[in-house]
Amino acid sequence: MTEKTNKEQGNKESISSTSENKLSITEKISSLDEKIQWFYSDDFSLDSAEENYKSAVFLAKEIESDLENLKNNIKILGHDFTR
């Protein structure tokens, strides 16, 4: 019974953390801009560059995926209104 309760709590935590971390495309783009600017700032350090680069690439891929989903949703809506 404890194992089931732990699994349920883990699922709830992952769902809530996902919804809390759900940012709009605009917010993600702003965050990506900040990450890119870090590379040009005085705060740049070679030790942190790889981690920040990977983070920026991951965020860029998320933005690209979000935009593709948005494009597909717009196409679907367009087809619905042309009938």
Foldseek 3Di string as FASTA:
>chain_A
DVVVVVVVVVVVVVVVVVVVPDDDLVVLVVVLVVLVVCCVDPVDDPVCVVVSVVVSVVSVVVSVVVVVVVVVVVVVVVVVVVD
